[in-house]
C-alpha cells in the first residue's frame, strides 16, 4: 500500500511504512506548528526517518527534532529564497549510505561534462491523458517499487490535471521512454523526475533528450529553478544531470523505497533563468 499524503496547514506531508519515514513534500513558512505535527506522526508510527523540504525560516524548529541539512536548492522559492532538505534519523543503520552509493559520485565526476549530440530522429512529445496506461506500463517495467503510485493510470491522469507534465519518446510507435516535470507553481520551481527508459533502448541517451525538452518547456512556463532527486545507485541518471550542467548539492541517505529496496538519493539543481546563474 502506498504511503499516504495529508495536508498540515499550507504544507503537504507524505508518510507511511513503505518508505518508513515522514516526508514534508512542501513546507510552508507560515506553518509554525509543522515540526511538532511531524514529530507526532513519527512517534505515533515509529518511522525511522524524518525528511523535509522546507524554507530556511522553518529550520530552527526542525533542528529541535534532530534534523540536519542533507542538501539544498538555491532559489527554490520564486528564485528568491533557498529550500533546505533536512533529515533526522531514528535508526543508526539508516544513517549510513552504501559504499557503492558514495563511490558512484567519484565515477560521475571523473570526466568533464559533455554536450548532447543532437539526433533529429529522436522526438520528445508531451503526453496526454489518453496515454496514461502506456505511461504506467513503462513505469511498471522499469520500477519494481516507487514512492508514489506511478504504476496506476488513474494517478497519472489525476496528476496531469493538477501539476505534472509527462514527456515521452516513441520508437516505431511504441513508448520507450518517459519522464515527468512536477511543478510547484506556488514556489515557481520544478522537479525533473520519474525518468524511465526501457532497458533495450539504454545507451541512446534518451533521458538526456527528455531532460532537454523538459527544460525548454519549463522555461517557457516561467519557472525559475529545476532540480532532481536521483538514485545514488544509478550512475547513468546522475551522469545525465551532470552532463546537463546541474549542480550537486548533497545526498539524502537511505531515503526512498525504489526499485525494490531503500536507496540513497542525490540532489542536483539548475537555474532556468539567466539572472539566477
Protein backbone atom coordinates (compact mmCIF):
# COMPACT_ATOMS: atom_id res chain seq x y z
CA UNK A 1 0.00 0.00 0.00
CA UNK A 2 1.35 3.42 -1.00
CA UNK A 3 2.23 5.90 1.71
CA UNK A 4 -0.50 8.44 2.39
CA UNK A 5 -0.48 12.17 1.72
CA UNK A 6 -2.09 14.69 4.02
CA UNK A 7 -2.14 18.47 4.42
CA UNK A 8 -0.99 20.28 7.54
CA UNK A 9 -1.94 23.92 7.21
CA UNK A 10 -0.44 25.06 3.90
CA UNK A 11 2.11 22.23 3.89
CA UNK A 12 1.94 18.76 2.31
CA UNK A 13 3.24 15.65 4.08
CA UNK A 14 3.63 12.04 2.94
CA UNK A 15 4.14 9.25 5.45
CA UNK A 16 3.78 5.50 5.72
CA UNK A 17 5.56 2.17 6.19
CA UNK A 18 6.60 1.72 2.56
CA UNK A 19 9.32 4.38 2.88
CA UNK A 20 9.35 4.18 6.70
CA UNK A 21 9.51 7.96 7.02
CA UNK A 22 7.64 11.22 7.36
CA UNK A 23 8.33 13.34 4.26
CA UNK A 24 7.45 17.02 4.20
CA UNK A 25 6.99 17.40 0.45
CA UNK A 26 6.11 21.09 0.64
CA UNK A 27 6.83 23.04 3.80
CA UNK A 28 5.21 26.46 4.08
CA UNK A 29 6.97 29.14 6.13
CA UNK A 30 3.65 30.16 7.73
CA UNK A 31 3.11 26.72 9.30
CA UNK A 32 4.86 27.27 12.62
CA UNK A 33 3.33 24.09 14.10
CA UNK A 34 4.54 21.85 11.25
CA UNK A 35 7.59 20.43 13.01
CA UNK A 36 5.52 19.46 16.05
CA UNK A 37 2.96 17.64 13.93
CA UNK A 38 5.73 15.84 12.01
CA UNK A 39 7.26 14.76 15.31
CA UNK A 40 3.87 13.42 16.44
CA UNK A 41 3.47 11.39 13.23
CA UNK A 42 6.98 9.99 13.56
CA UNK A 43 6.46 8.94 17.15
CA UNK A 44 2.95 7.56 16.58
CA UNK A 45 4.06 5.23 13.78
CA UNK A 46 7.68 4.63 14.81
CA UNK A 47 9.16 5.76 11.49
CA UNK A 48 12.96 5.63 11.25
CA UNK A 49 13.43 8.89 9.34
CA UNK A 50 12.06 12.41 9.05
CA UNK A 51 12.82 14.06 5.70
CA UNK A 52 11.65 17.60 4.96
CA UNK A 53 11.95 20.09 2.10
CA UNK A 54 11.48 23.41 3.87
CA UNK A 55 12.24 27.13 3.69
CA UNK A 56 15.11 28.29 5.89
CA UNK A 57 12.60 30.04 8.19
CA UNK A 58 11.44 26.62 9.47
CA UNK A 59 14.89 25.12 10.04
CA UNK A 60 15.09 26.13 13.70
CA UNK A 61 12.01 24.12 14.65
CA UNK A 62 13.15 21.10 12.63
CA UNK A 63 16.63 21.27 14.11
CA UNK A 64 14.98 20.74 17.50
CA UNK A 65 13.76 17.37 16.14
CA UNK A 66 17.38 16.40 15.41
CA UNK A 67 17.28 17.36 11.72
CA UNK A 68 20.44 18.28 9.86
CA UNK A 69 20.84 19.66 6.34
CA UNK A 70 21.50 16.89 3.79
CA UNK A 71 21.12 19.04 0.65
CA UNK A 72 19.76 22.38 -0.57
CA UNK A 73 18.18 24.00 -3.64
CA UNK A 74 19.14 27.67 -4.18
CA UNK A 75 16.32 29.90 -5.44
CA UNK A 76 13.67 27.23 -4.93
CA UNK A 77 11.06 29.73 -3.77
CA UNK A 78 10.33 32.02 -6.75
CA UNK A 79 14.04 32.39 -7.43
CA UNK A 80 14.39 34.40 -4.21
CA UNK A 81 14.83 32.00 -1.28
CA UNK A 82 16.51 28.64 -0.88
CA UNK A 83 14.98 25.31 0.11
CA UNK A 84 16.71 23.15 2.69
CA UNK A 85 16.43 19.36 2.54
CA UNK A 86 16.81 18.23 6.13
CA UNK A 87 16.65 14.85 7.83
CA UNK A 88 16.62 13.21 11.23
CA UNK A 89 17.35 9.51 11.75
CA UNK A 90 15.88 7.25 14.41
CA UNK A 91 17.76 4.10 13.36
CA UNK A 92 21.56 4.17 13.38
CA UNK A 93 21.80 1.74 10.46
CA UNK A 94 19.78 4.11 8.28
CA UNK A 95 22.32 6.91 8.70
CA UNK A 96 24.95 5.18 6.56
CA UNK A 97 24.88 5.05 2.75
CA UNK A 98 26.34 2.05 0.98
CA UNK A 99 29.92 2.14 -0.25
CA UNK A 100 28.64 1.84 -3.82
CA UNK A 101 26.37 4.87 -3.44
CA UNK A 102 29.23 7.06 -2.27
CA UNK A 103 31.81 5.78 -4.77
CA UNK A 104 29.42 6.25 -7.70
CA UNK A 105 29.76 10.02 -7.33
CA UNK A 106 33.50 9.73 -7.94
CA UNK A 107 32.73 7.94 -11.20
CA UNK A 108 30.23 10.63 -12.24
CA UNK A 109 32.75 13.44 -11.60
CA UNK A 110 35.72 11.57 -13.11
CA UNK A 111 35.39 13.24 -16.53
CA UNK A 112 34.20 16.69 -17.68
CA UNK A 113 30.59 17.19 -18.78
CA UNK A 114 29.86 16.54 -22.44
CA UNK A 115 27.12 18.08 -24.53
CA UNK A 116 24.30 16.08 -26.07
CA UNK A 117 24.91 15.36 -29.77
CA UNK A 118 21.58 16.10 -31.43
CA UNK A 119 19.87 13.28 -33.32
CA UNK A 120 16.99 14.66 -35.44
CA UNK A 121 15.29 11.26 -35.44
CA UNK A 122 14.67 11.42 -31.66
CA UNK A 123 11.45 13.28 -30.92
CA UNK A 124 10.16 14.11 -27.44
CA UNK A 125 6.40 14.55 -27.02
CA UNK A 126 4.24 15.94 -24.26
CA UNK A 127 1.95 13.04 -23.36
CA UNK A 128 -1.81 13.21 -22.88
CA UNK A 129 -4.26 11.55 -20.52
CA UNK A 130 -5.20 9.09 -23.29
CA UNK A 131 -1.66 7.70 -22.98
CA UNK A 132 -1.80 7.17 -19.19
CA UNK A 133 -1.99 3.38 -19.46
CA UNK A 134 1.09 3.31 -21.72
CA UNK A 135 2.98 5.57 -19.30
CA UNK A 136 2.10 3.33 -16.36
CA UNK A 137 3.21 0.27 -18.35
CA UNK A 138 6.67 1.78 -18.91
CA UNK A 139 6.98 2.66 -15.22
CA UNK A 140 5.95 -0.88 -14.26
CA UNK A 141 8.70 -2.36 -16.43
CA UNK A 142 11.40 -0.08 -15.00
CA UNK A 143 10.50 0.35 -11.31
CA UNK A 144 9.58 -2.63 -9.11
CA UNK A 145 8.59 -0.19 -6.36
CA UNK A 146 8.24 3.59 -6.27
CA UNK A 147 7.40 6.14 -3.55
CA UNK A 148 4.30 7.30 -5.46
CA UNK A 149 1.66 5.20 -7.31
CA UNK A 150 3.02 5.83 -10.81
CA UNK A 151 2.02 2.28 -11.82
CA UNK A 152 -1.64 3.38 -11.67
CA UNK A 153 -3.03 5.11 -14.82
CA UNK A 154 -5.64 6.86 -12.66
CA UNK A 155 -2.88 8.51 -10.62
CA UNK A 156 -1.15 9.64 -13.80
CA UNK A 157 -4.35 11.15 -15.20
CA UNK A 158 -5.08 12.88 -11.89
CA UNK A 159 -1.62 14.44 -11.64
CA UNK A 160 -1.76 15.57 -15.26
CA UNK A 161 -4.79 17.64 -14.35
CA UNK A 162 -3.09 19.29 -11.40
CA UNK A 163 0.68 19.81 -11.60
CA UNK A 164 2.66 17.24 -13.61
CA UNK A 165 3.61 17.33 -17.30
CA UNK A 166 4.62 13.92 -18.68
CA UNK A 167 7.08 13.60 -21.56
CA UNK A 168 7.77 10.61 -23.79
CA UNK A 169 9.86 9.16 -26.60
CA UNK A 170 8.49 6.62 -29.06
CA UNK A 171 10.36 4.07 -31.17
CA UNK A 172 8.32 2.83 -34.13
CA UNK A 173 5.17 3.92 -32.32
CA UNK A 174 5.97 2.21 -29.03
CA UNK A 175 6.52 4.32 -25.93
CA UNK A 176 10.05 3.51 -24.76
CA UNK A 177 10.99 6.46 -22.54
CA UNK A 178 9.03 8.55 -20.04
CA UNK A 179 9.74 11.37 -17.61
CA UNK A 180 7.76 13.97 -15.72
CA UNK A 181 8.08 17.62 -14.73
CA UNK A 182 6.44 18.06 -11.34
CA UNK A 183 5.68 21.76 -10.98
CA UNK A 184 5.40 23.66 -7.73
CA UNK A 185 3.51 26.62 -9.13
CA UNK A 186 3.47 28.47 -5.81
CA UNK A 187 7.25 28.27 -5.46
CA UNK A 188 7.70 28.60 -9.26
CA UNK A 189 10.15 25.71 -9.49
CA UNK A 190 10.03 22.20 -10.92
CA UNK A 191 11.28 18.72 -10.08
CA UNK A 192 12.58 16.74 -13.07
CA UNK A 193 11.66 13.20 -12.11
CA UNK A 194 10.24 9.76 -12.99
CA UNK A 195 12.81 9.03 -15.72
CA UNK A 196 12.07 5.55 -17.07
CA UNK A 197 13.74 4.22 -20.22
CA UNK A 198 13.18 0.64 -21.32
CA UNK A 199 16.32 -1.48 -20.92
CA UNK A 200 16.61 -2.35 -24.61
CA UNK A 201 16.97 1.35 -25.52
CA UNK A 202 19.52 2.30 -22.87
CA UNK A 203 22.71 3.83 -24.23
CA UNK A 204 20.84 6.07 -26.66
CA UNK A 205 20.81 8.96 -24.14
CA UNK A 206 17.02 9.16 -24.23
CA UNK A 207 16.99 10.53 -20.67
CA UNK A 208 19.11 13.45 -21.86
CA UNK A 209 16.69 14.17 -24.70
CA UNK A 210 13.78 14.06 -22.28
CA UNK A 211 15.55 16.40 -19.86
CA UNK A 212 16.38 18.94 -22.54
CA UNK A 213 12.75 19.05 -23.73
CA UNK A 214 11.53 19.37 -20.16
CA UNK A 215 13.84 22.33 -19.51
CA UNK A 216 12.66 24.10 -22.66
CA UNK A 217 9.00 23.69 -21.68
CA UNK A 218 9.54 24.78 -18.07
CA UNK A 219 11.45 27.89 -19.18
CA UNK A 220 8.53 28.78 -21.43
CA UNK A 221 6.23 28.46 -18.42
CA UNK A 222 8.38 30.94 -16.49
CA UNK A 223 9.70 28.62 -13.76
CA UNK A 224 12.90 29.67 -12.02
CA UNK A 225 14.77 26.55 -10.91
CA UNK A 226 14.83 22.86 -11.88
CA UNK A 227 16.05 20.12 -9.58
CA UNK A 228 16.05 16.36 -9.27
CA UNK A 229 16.37 13.72 -6.56
CA UNK A 230 18.24 10.95 -8.39
CA UNK A 231 19.04 7.40 -7.25
CA UNK A 232 22.62 7.31 -5.95
CA UNK A 233 22.97 3.77 -7.32
CA UNK A 234 22.24 4.94 -10.88
CA UNK A 235 25.47 6.21 -12.40
CA UNK A 236 23.69 6.83 -15.71
CA UNK A 237 20.95 9.00 -14.22
CA UNK A 238 23.41 11.08 -12.23
CA UNK A 239 25.57 11.49 -15.34
CA UNK A 240 22.51 12.74 -17.23
CA UNK A 241 22.17 15.67 -14.86
CA UNK A 242 25.91 16.23 -14.52
CA UNK A 243 26.33 16.48 -18.30
CA UNK A 244 23.33 18.85 -18.45
CA UNK A 245 25.25 21.21 -16.11
CA UNK A 246 23.18 20.59 -12.99
CA UNK A 247 24.98 21.18 -9.69
CA UNK A 248 25.23 18.54 -6.99
CA UNK A 249 24.21 19.70 -3.50
CA UNK A 250 24.04 16.61 -1.32
CA UNK A 251 22.93 13.03 -0.69
CA UNK A 252 19.69 12.01 1.04
CA UNK A 253 20.82 8.88 2.87
CA UNK A 254 18.65 5.73 2.74
CA UNK A 255 15.72 7.91 1.82
CA UNK A 256 13.44 6.23 -0.69
CA UNK A 257 11.93 2.82 -1.40
CA UNK A 258 12.50 2.48 -5.14
CA UNK A 259 13.14 -0.47 -7.46
CA UNK A 260 12.59 -2.99 -4.69
CA UNK A 261 14.65 -1.55 -1.86
CA UNK A 262 15.56 1.53 0.16
CA UNK A 263 18.18 3.71 -1.53
CA UNK A 264 20.05 6.96 -1.05
CA UNK A 265 19.26 9.82 -3.42
CA UNK A 266 21.43 12.61 -4.87
CA UNK A 267 20.13 16.16 -5.22
CA UNK A 268 21.01 18.18 -8.33
CA UNK A 269 19.74 21.65 -9.28
CA UNK A 270 19.96 24.13 -12.16
CA UNK A 271 18.71 27.72 -12.56
CA UNK A 272 16.44 28.03 -15.59
CA UNK A 273 16.65 31.81 -15.84
CA UNK A 274 19.89 33.63 -16.81
CA UNK A 275 19.72 36.06 -13.91
CA UNK A 276 19.91 33.17 -11.42
CA UNK A 277 23.09 31.55 -12.77
